Amino acid sequence: MRNDLRIRLGRHPIELRERYPDLADLSLRRGAVVFDVGANVGNFSESVLAHQPWVRIHAFEPQDGPRAKLQEALVPFGDGIVINATALGAERGERDFHISRYHEASSFLENGVILDAHVYGIDFTTVATVPVAVDTVAGYVIEHRIPHIDLLKLDVQGFELEVLKGAESVLDRIDAIYCEAQFEELYRGGPLAGDIFAWLNSRGFELLRMTKFHADGAGRLIECDMLFKHS
């Protein structure tokens, strides 16, 4: 039925699967639980649904504008979608969130030198700072009685280790982690790819693949995505 809806909307699943082809390697089961942290407008969630239409998605997006588009994209696919207006971090509370002119780059962290230099020719200027409610992965799964997470996806603009620290007590419930990582300091104080690898590897996660590499105009490697599997 979900595939039929996509066809009626003119969005054939193959188009969506090709956004994140590495998801095919995970062979997500029917009823798998996926956390989309930093869901933005829903591109990752839509790709997951195209790979496995019967997953259950918990999406987290604190920005009002992108979250409205996220709801528009995902609500037609049924009751297995939960959209949260909160962010995730190392501890529950509230924290200032910097809204970027390029909304996908919004972050709890301030821009680093690379973003201030308008890498990729994009204006990453902060246009507003707003308070945002923060939960933790561990707190959320306990509160909502979620026994297992098949895939935890992080696209949180330098806040990756903070989210992972908030998941540390339930890492044994997580099968795979798909994480954006940076090779240059895009955000002040944000971890680099090596930091994320070391943290996860020391806790039993094996790096399966690095993909979606991006470089600046001078050919300098800036960022990529990393796929980890719990060994």
C-alpha atoms as a PDB file:
ATOM      1  CA  MET A   1       0.000   0.000   0.000  1.00  0.00           C
ATOM      2  CA  ARG A   2       2.854   2.387   0.783  1.00  0.00           C
ATOM      3  CA  ASN A   3       4.472   1.650  -2.569  1.00  0.00           C
ATOM      4  CA  ASP A   4       1.107   2.258  -4.265  1.00  0.00           C
ATOM      5  CA  LEU A   5       0.950   5.668  -2.584  1.00  0.00           C
ATOM      6  CA  ARG A   6       4.401   6.534  -3.887  1.00  0.00           C
ATOM      7  CA  ILE A   7       3.422   5.563  -7.412  1.00  0.00           C
ATOM      8  CA  ARG A   8       0.235   7.633  -7.194  1.00  0.00           C
ATOM      9  CA  LEU A   9       2.335  10.592  -6.013  1.00  0.00           C
ATOM     10  CA  GLY A  10       4.731  10.089  -8.904  1.00  0.00           C
ATOM     11  CA  ARG A  11       7.648   9.080  -6.660  1.00  0.00           C
ATOM     12  CA  HIS A  12       8.818   5.661  -7.733  1.00  0.00           C
ATOM     13  CA  PRO A  13      10.773   3.861  -4.962  1.00  0.00           C
ATOM     14  CA  ILE A  14      13.913   3.378  -7.078  1.00  0.00           C
ATOM     15  CA  GLU A  15      14.415   7.148  -7.170  1.00  0.00           C
ATOM     16  CA  LEU A  16      14.349   7.241  -3.383  1.00  0.00           C
ATOM     17  CA  ARG A  17      16.494   4.144  -2.844  1.00  0.00           C
ATOM     18  CA  GLU A  18      19.276   5.662  -4.929  1.00  0.00           C
ATOM     19  CA  ARG A  19      19.693   8.519  -2.427  1.00  0.00           C
ATOM     20  CA  TYR A  20      21.179   6.082   0.110  1.00  0.00           C
ATOM     21  CA  PRO A  21      22.013   2.855  -1.729  1.00  0.00           C
ATOM     22  CA  ASP A  22      24.117   1.573   1.196  1.00  0.00           C
ATOM     23  CA  LEU A  23      20.900   0.939   3.127  1.00  0.00           C
ATOM     24  CA  ALA A  24      20.423  -2.159   0.963  1.00  0.00           C
ATOM     25  CA  ASP A  25      23.367  -3.791   2.797  1.00  0.00           C
ATOM     26  CA  LEU A  26      21.468  -3.610   6.094  1.00  0.00           C
ATOM     27  CA  SER A  27      18.532  -5.717   4.847  1.00  0.00           C
ATOM     28  CA  LEU A  28      16.118  -3.979   7.205  1.00  0.00           C
ATOM     29  CA  ARG A  29      13.385  -6.354   8.321  1.00  0.00           C
ATOM     30  CA  ARG A  30       9.658  -5.740   8.315  1.00  0.00           C
ATOM     31  CA  GLY A  31       8.892  -3.883  11.536  1.00  0.00           C
ATOM     32  CA  ALA A  32      12.472  -2.632  11.972  1.00  0.00           C
ATOM     33  CA  VAL A  33      12.865   0.486  14.137  1.00  0.00           C
ATOM     34  CA  VAL A  34      14.771   3.416  12.639  1.00  0.00           C
ATOM     35  CA  PHE A  35      15.722   6.614  14.468  1.00  0.00           C
ATOM     36  CA  ASP A  36      16.210   9.517  12.035  1.00  0.00           C
ATOM     37  CA  VAL A  37      17.997  12.124  14.164  1.00  0.00           C
ATOM     38  CA  GLY A  38      18.293  15.425  12.335  1.00  0.00           C
ATOM     39  CA  ALA A  39      15.563  14.363   9.935  1.00  0.00           C
ATOM     40  CA  ASN A  40      15.243  17.783   8.265  1.00  0.00           C
ATOM     41  CA  VAL A  41      12.706  17.468   5.389  1.00  0.00           C
ATOM     42  CA  GLY A  42      12.720  13.649   5.367  1.00  0.00           C
ATOM     43  CA  ASN A  43      15.096  12.621   2.576  1.00  0.00           C
ATOM     44  CA  PHE A  44      16.697   9.851   4.634  1.00  0.00           C
ATOM     45  CA  SER A  45      13.402   8.544   6.011  1.00  0.00           C
ATOM     46  CA  GLU A  46      11.890   8.436   2.540  1.00  0.00           C
ATOM     47  CA  SER A  47      14.866   6.427   1.323  1.00  0.00           C
ATOM     48  CA  VAL A  48      14.528   3.995   4.236  1.00  0.00           C
ATOM     49  CA  LEU A  49      10.847   3.515   3.427  1.00  0.00           C
ATOM     50  CA  ALA A  50      11.722   2.857  -0.200  1.00  0.00           C
ATOM     51  CA  HIS A  51      14.139   0.106   0.865  1.00  0.00           C
ATOM     52  CA  GLN A  52      11.701  -1.373   3.407  1.00  0.00           C
ATOM     53  CA  PRO A  53       8.137   0.045   3.360  1.00  0.00           C
ATOM     54  CA  TRP A  54       7.196  -1.537   6.709  1.00  0.00           C
ATOM     55  CA  VAL A  55       9.745   0.007   9.055  1.00  0.00           C
ATOM     56  CA  ARG A  56       8.776   2.083  12.074  1.00  0.00           C
ATOM     57  CA  ILE A  57      10.452   5.495  12.023  1.00  0.00           C
ATOM     58  CA  HIS A  58      11.053   7.863  14.934  1.00  0.00           C
ATOM     59  CA  ALA A  59      12.138  11.155  13.358  1.00  0.00           C
ATOM     60  CA  PHE A  60      13.622  14.083  15.309  1.00  0.00           C
ATOM     61  CA  GLU A  61      13.651  17.584  13.821  1.00  0.00           C
ATOM     62  CA  PRO A  62      13.568  20.741  15.991  1.00  0.00           C
ATOM     63  CA  GLN A  63      13.219  23.290  13.151  1.00  0.00           C
ATOM     64  CA  ASP A  64       9.613  24.276  12.421  1.00  0.00           C
ATOM     65  CA  GLY A  65       9.944  24.838   8.666  1.00  0.00           C
ATOM     66  CA  PRO A  66      11.773  21.611   7.774  1.00  0.00           C
ATOM     67  CA  ARG A  67       9.591  19.638  10.213  1.00  0.00           C
ATOM     68  CA  ALA A  68       6.436  20.797   8.381  1.00  0.00           C
ATOM     69  CA  LYS A  69       7.901  19.450   5.127  1.00  0.00           C
ATOM     70  CA  LEU A  70       8.947  16.276   6.938  1.00  0.00           C
ATOM     71  CA  GLN A  71       5.376  15.719   8.110  1.00  0.00           C
ATOM     72  CA  GLU A  72       4.041  16.366   4.622  1.00  0.00           C
ATOM     73  CA  ALA A  73       6.466  13.797   3.187  1.00  0.00           C
ATOM     74  CA  LEU A  74       5.966  11.041   5.761  1.00  0.00           C
ATOM     75  CA  VAL A  75       2.403  11.246   7.070  1.00  0.00           C
ATOM     76  CA  PRO A  76       0.941   9.550   3.940  1.00  0.00           C
ATOM     77  CA  PHE A  77       2.903   6.408   4.806  1.00  0.00           C
ATOM     78  CA  GLY A  78       0.870   5.414   7.836  1.00  0.00           C
ATOM     79  CA  ASP A  79       0.910   5.050  11.592  1.00  0.00           C
ATOM     80  CA  GLY A  80       4.453   3.693  11.766  1.00  0.00           C
ATOM     81  CA  ILE A  81       5.854   7.235  11.649  1.00  0.00           C
ATOM     82  CA  VAL A  82       6.479   9.280  14.817  1.00  0.00           C
ATOM     83  CA  ILE A  83       7.715  12.846  14.322  1.00  0.00           C
ATOM     84  CA  ASN A  84       9.290  14.622  17.291  1.00  0.00           C
ATOM     85  CA  ALA A  85       9.947  18.353  17.601  1.00  0.00           C
ATOM     86  CA  THR A  86      12.805  17.740  20.027  1.00  0.00           C
ATOM     87  CA  ALA A  87      16.516  17.329  19.373  1.00  0.00           C
ATOM     88  CA  LEU A  88      18.691  14.610  20.910  1.00  0.00           C
ATOM     89  CA  GLY A  89      21.882  15.101  22.903  1.00  0.00           C
ATOM     90  CA  ALA A  90      23.916  13.889  25.865  1.00  0.00           C
ATOM     91  CA  GLU A  91      21.389  14.982  28.495  1.00  0.00           C
ATOM     92  CA  ARG A  92      17.826  16.185  28.748  1.00  0.00           C
ATOM     93  CA  GLY A  93      17.137  19.891  29.010  1.00  0.00           C
ATOM     94  CA  GLU A  94      17.101  22.937  26.751  1.00  0.00           C
ATOM     95  CA  ARG A  95      19.873  24.403  24.641  1.00  0.00           C
ATOM     96  CA  ASP A  96      20.366  27.283  22.195  1.00  0.00           C
ATOM     97  CA  PHE A  97      20.108  26.182  18.570  1.00  0.00           C
ATOM     98  CA  HIS A  98      21.627  28.236  15.754  1.00  0.00           C
ATOM     99  CA  ILE A  99      19.423  28.484  12.657  1.00  0.00           C
ATOM    100  CA  SER A 100      21.460  28.720   9.465  1.00  0.00           C
ATOM    101  CA  ARG A 101      20.413  30.545   6.316  1.00  0.00           C
ATOM    102  CA  TYR A 102      21.048  27.136   4.732  1.00  0.00           C
ATOM    103  CA  HIS A 103      18.690  25.261   7.068  1.00  0.00           C
ATOM    104  CA  GLU A 104      20.384  21.875   6.635  1.00  0.00           C
ATOM    105  CA  ALA A 105      23.474  23.317   8.365  1.00  0.00           C
ATOM    106  CA  SER A 106      21.652  24.510  11.514  1.00  0.00           C
ATOM    107  CA  SER A 107      23.376  23.282  14.673  1.00  0.00           C
ATOM    108  CA  PHE A 108      23.794  23.593  18.413  1.00  0.00           C
ATOM    109  CA  LEU A 109      27.409  24.497  17.648  1.00  0.00           C
ATOM    110  CA  GLU A 110      28.683  27.749  16.169  1.00  0.00           C
ATOM    111  CA  ASN A 111      30.103  27.790  12.654  1.00  0.00           C
ATOM    112  CA  GLY A 112      33.757  26.979  12.250  1.00  0.00           C
ATOM    113  CA  VAL A 113      36.185  28.667   9.867  1.00  0.00           C
ATOM    114  CA  ILE A 114      35.232  26.415   6.938  1.00  0.00           C
ATOM    115  CA  LEU A 115      31.539  27.312   7.070  1.00  0.00           C
ATOM    116  CA  ASP A 116      32.297  30.981   7.676  1.00  0.00           C
ATOM    117  CA  ALA A 117      34.310  30.873   4.432  1.00  0.00           C
ATOM    118  CA  HIS A 118      31.155  29.722   2.576  1.00  0.00           C
ATOM    119  CA  VAL A 119      32.475  26.307   1.512  1.00  0.00           C
ATOM    120  CA  TYR A 120      30.639  24.883  -1.536  1.00  0.00           C
ATOM    121  CA  GLY A 121      29.678  28.490  -2.371  1.00  0.00           C
ATOM    122  CA  ILE A 122      26.826  28.387   0.176  1.00  0.00           C
ATOM    123  CA  ASP A 123      25.950  31.118   2.676  1.00  0.00           C
ATOM    124  CA  PHE A 124      25.931  29.441   6.113  1.00  0.00           C
ATOM    125  CA  THR A 125      25.272  32.634   8.079  1.00  0.00           C
ATOM    126  CA  THR A 126      23.364  32.157  11.333  1.00  0.00           C
ATOM    127  CA  VAL A 127      20.063  34.038  11.039  1.00  0.00           C
ATOM    128  CA  ALA A 128      18.566  33.266  14.464  1.00  0.00           C
ATOM    129  CA  THR A 129      19.288  31.485  17.736  1.00  0.00           C
ATOM    130  CA  VAL A 130      16.365  29.793  19.487  1.00  0.00           C
ATOM    131  CA  PRO A 131      15.957  27.553  22.553  1.00  0.00           C
ATOM    132  CA  VAL A 132      15.300  23.910  21.692  1.00  0.00           C
ATOM    133  CA  ALA A 133      14.181  21.031  23.905  1.00  0.00           C
ATOM    134  CA  VAL A 134      16.739  18.212  24.076  1.00  0.00           C
ATOM    135  CA  ASP A 135      16.061  14.554  24.915  1.00  0.00           C
ATOM    136  CA  THR A 136      18.428  11.575  24.918  1.00  0.00           C
ATOM    137  CA  VAL A 137      18.249   8.345  22.941  1.00  0.00           C
ATOM    138  CA  ALA A 138      18.340   6.360  26.187  1.00  0.00           C
ATOM    139  CA  GLY A 139      15.625   8.439  27.834  1.00  0.00           C
ATOM    140  CA  TYR A 140      13.414   8.249  24.769  1.00  0.00           C
ATOM    141  CA  VAL A 141      13.652   4.473  24.285  1.00  0.00           C
ATOM    142  CA  ILE A 142      12.981   3.831  27.970  1.00  0.00           C
ATOM    143  CA  GLU A 143      10.029   6.233  28.069  1.00  0.00           C
ATOM    144  CA  HIS A 144       8.521   4.774  24.898  1.00  0.00           C
ATOM    145  CA  ARG A 145       9.451   1.163  25.735  1.00  0.00           C
ATOM    146  CA  ILE A 146      11.471   0.578  22.582  1.00  0.00           C
ATOM    147  CA  PRO A 147      13.452  -2.650  23.084  1.00  0.00           C
ATOM    148  CA  HIS A 148      15.558  -2.468  19.932  1.00  0.00           C
ATOM    149  CA  ILE A 149      16.818   0.037  17.332  1.00  0.00           C
ATOM    150  CA  ASP A 150      17.771  -1.500  13.998  1.00  0.00           C
ATOM    151  CA  LEU A 151      19.265   1.723  12.637  1.00  0.00           C
ATOM    152  CA  LEU A 152      20.277   4.991  14.292  1.00  0.00           C
ATOM    153  CA  LYS A 153      20.955   7.734  11.742  1.00  0.00           C
ATOM    154  CA  LEU A 154      22.742  10.938  12.813  1.00  0.00           C
ATOM    155  CA  ASP A 155      22.853  14.098  10.718  1.00  0.00           C
ATOM    156  CA  VAL A 156      23.333  16.595  13.520  1.00  0.00           C
ATOM    157  CA  GLN A 157      26.014  19.012  12.329  1.00  0.00           C
ATOM    158  CA  GLY A 158      28.847  18.437  14.771  1.00  0.00           C
ATOM    159  CA  PHE A 159      26.662  17.137  17.608  1.00  0.00           C
ATOM    160  CA  GLU A 160      27.259  13.448  16.811  1.00  0.00           C
ATOM    161  CA  LEU A 161      29.212  12.510  19.933  1.00  0.00           C
ATOM    162  CA  GLU A 162      26.703  14.322  22.148  1.00  0.00           C
ATOM    163  CA  VAL A 163      23.868  12.210  20.734  1.00  0.00           C
ATOM    164  CA  LEU A 164      25.956   9.034  21.042  1.00  0.00           C
ATOM    165  CA  LYS A 165      26.820   9.818  24.674  1.00  0.00           C
ATOM    166  CA  GLY A 166      23.085  10.093  25.331  1.00  0.00           C
ATOM    167  CA  ALA A 167      22.689   6.615  23.826  1.00  0.00           C
ATOM    168  CA  GLU A 168      25.612   4.953  25.627  1.00  0.00           C
ATOM    169  CA  SER A 169      23.536   3.034  28.160  1.00  0.00           C
ATOM    170  CA  VAL A 170      21.408   1.481  25.398  1.00  0.00           C
ATOM    171  CA  LEU A 171      24.072   0.867  22.730  1.00  0.00           C
ATOM    172  CA  ASP A 172      23.480  -2.867  23.128  1.00  0.00           C
ATOM    173  CA  ARG A 173      19.995  -2.271  21.683  1.00  0.00           C
ATOM    174  CA  ILE A 174      21.341  -0.715  18.469  1.00  0.00           C
ATOM    175  CA  ASP A 175      22.298  -2.783  15.407  1.00  0.00           C
ATOM    176  CA  ALA A 176      23.657  -0.149  13.023  1.00  0.00           C
ATOM    177  CA  ILE A 177      24.589   3.543  13.003  1.00  0.00           C
ATOM    178  CA  TYR A 178      24.649   5.737   9.895  1.00  0.00           C
ATOM    179  CA  CYS A 179      26.504   8.924  10.769  1.00  0.00           C
ATOM    180  CA  GLU A 180      27.625  12.087   9.013  1.00  0.00           C
ATOM    181  CA  ALA A 181      31.236  13.001   9.869  1.00  0.00           C
ATOM    182  CA  GLN A 182      33.616  15.866   9.089  1.00  0.00           C
ATOM    183  CA  PHE A 183      37.320  15.905   8.225  1.00  0.00           C
ATOM    184  CA  GLU A 184      37.638  19.658   8.798  1.00  0.00           C
ATOM    185  CA  GLU A 185      36.199  21.650  11.685  1.00  0.00           C
ATOM    186  CA  LEU A 186      32.948  22.800  10.117  1.00  0.00           C
ATOM    187  CA  TYR A 187      31.548  23.493  13.585  1.00  0.00           C
ATOM    188  CA  ARG A 188      33.527  24.810  16.537  1.00  0.00           C
ATOM    189  CA  GLY A 189      34.344  21.979  18.918  1.00  0.00           C
ATOM    190  CA  GLY A 190      32.655  19.347  16.769  1.00  0.00           C
ATOM    191  CA  PRO A 191      34.248  15.880  16.483  1.00  0.00           C
ATOM    192  CA  LEU A 192      36.143  14.771  13.392  1.00  0.00           C
ATOM    193  CA  ALA A 193      35.590  11.459  11.621  1.00  0.00           C
ATOM    194  CA  GLY A 194      38.454   9.858  13.533  1.00  0.00           C
ATOM    195  CA  ASP A 195      36.934  10.852  16.865  1.00  0.00           C
ATOM    196  CA  ILE A 196      33.600   9.245  15.992  1.00  0.00           C
ATOM    197  CA  PHE A 197      35.324   6.104  14.709  1.00  0.00           C
ATOM    198  CA  ALA A 198      37.395   5.752  17.887  1.00  0.00           C
ATOM    199  CA  TRP A 199      34.396   6.269  20.176  1.00  0.00           C
ATOM    200  CA  LEU A 200      32.176   3.730  18.398  1.00  0.00           C
ATOM    201  CA  ASN A 201      34.927   1.221  17.690  1.00  0.00           C
ATOM    202  CA  SER A 202      35.847   1.085  21.377  1.00  0.00           C
ATOM    203  CA  ARG A 203      32.220   0.237  22.136  1.00  0.00           C
ATOM    204  CA  GLY A 204      31.876  -2.675  19.750  1.00  0.00           C
ATOM    205  CA  PHE A 205      30.877  -1.015  16.476  1.00  0.00           C
ATOM    206  CA  GLU A 206      32.699  -1.975  13.275  1.00  0.00           C
ATOM    207  CA  LEU A 207      33.068   0.540  10.444  1.00  0.00           C
ATOM    208  CA  LEU A 208      31.519  -1.083   7.367  1.00  0.00           C
ATOM    209  CA  ARG A 209      31.769   1.732   4.862  1.00  0.00           C
ATOM    210  CA  MET A 210      32.573   5.387   4.274  1.00  0.00           C
ATOM    211  CA  THR A 211      30.518   6.992   1.541  1.00  0.00           C
ATOM    212  CA  LYS A 212      29.166  10.287   0.174  1.00  0.00           C
ATOM    213  CA  PHE A 213      32.521  12.074   0.270  1.00  0.00           C
ATOM    214  CA  HIS A 214      32.428  15.830  -0.296  1.00  0.00           C
ATOM    215  CA  ALA A 215      35.378  18.080  -1.115  1.00  0.00           C
ATOM    216  CA  ASP A 216      35.774  21.825  -1.515  1.00  0.00           C
ATOM    217  CA  GLY A 217      36.791  23.581  -4.738  1.00  0.00           C
ATOM    218  CA  ALA A 218      40.466  22.973  -3.981  1.00  0.00           C
ATOM    219  CA  GLY A 219      39.909  19.222  -3.665  1.00  0.00           C
ATOM    220  CA  ARG A 220      40.244  19.227   0.131  1.00  0.00           C
ATOM    221  CA  LEU A 221      38.157  16.468   1.713  1.00  0.00           C
ATOM    222  CA  ILE A 222      35.490  18.038   3.942  1.00  0.00           C
ATOM    223  CA  GLU A 223      32.968  15.425   5.048  1.00  0.00           C
ATOM    224  CA  CYS A 224      31.466  11.995   4.446  1.00  0.00           C
ATOM    225  CA  ASP A 225      28.948   9.497   5.810  1.00  0.00           C
ATOM    226  CA  MET A 226      30.035   6.490   7.884  1.00  0.00           C
ATOM    227  CA  LEU A 227      28.121   3.240   8.313  1.00  0.00           C
ATOM    228  CA  PHE A 228      28.794   1.198  11.471  1.00  0.00           C
ATOM    229  CA  LYS A 229      27.515  -2.251  12.447  1.00  0.00           C
ATOM    230  CA  HIS A 230      27.363  -3.535  16.014  1.00  0.00           C
ATOM    231  CA  SER A 231      29.732  -6.488  16.262  1.00  0.00           C
END
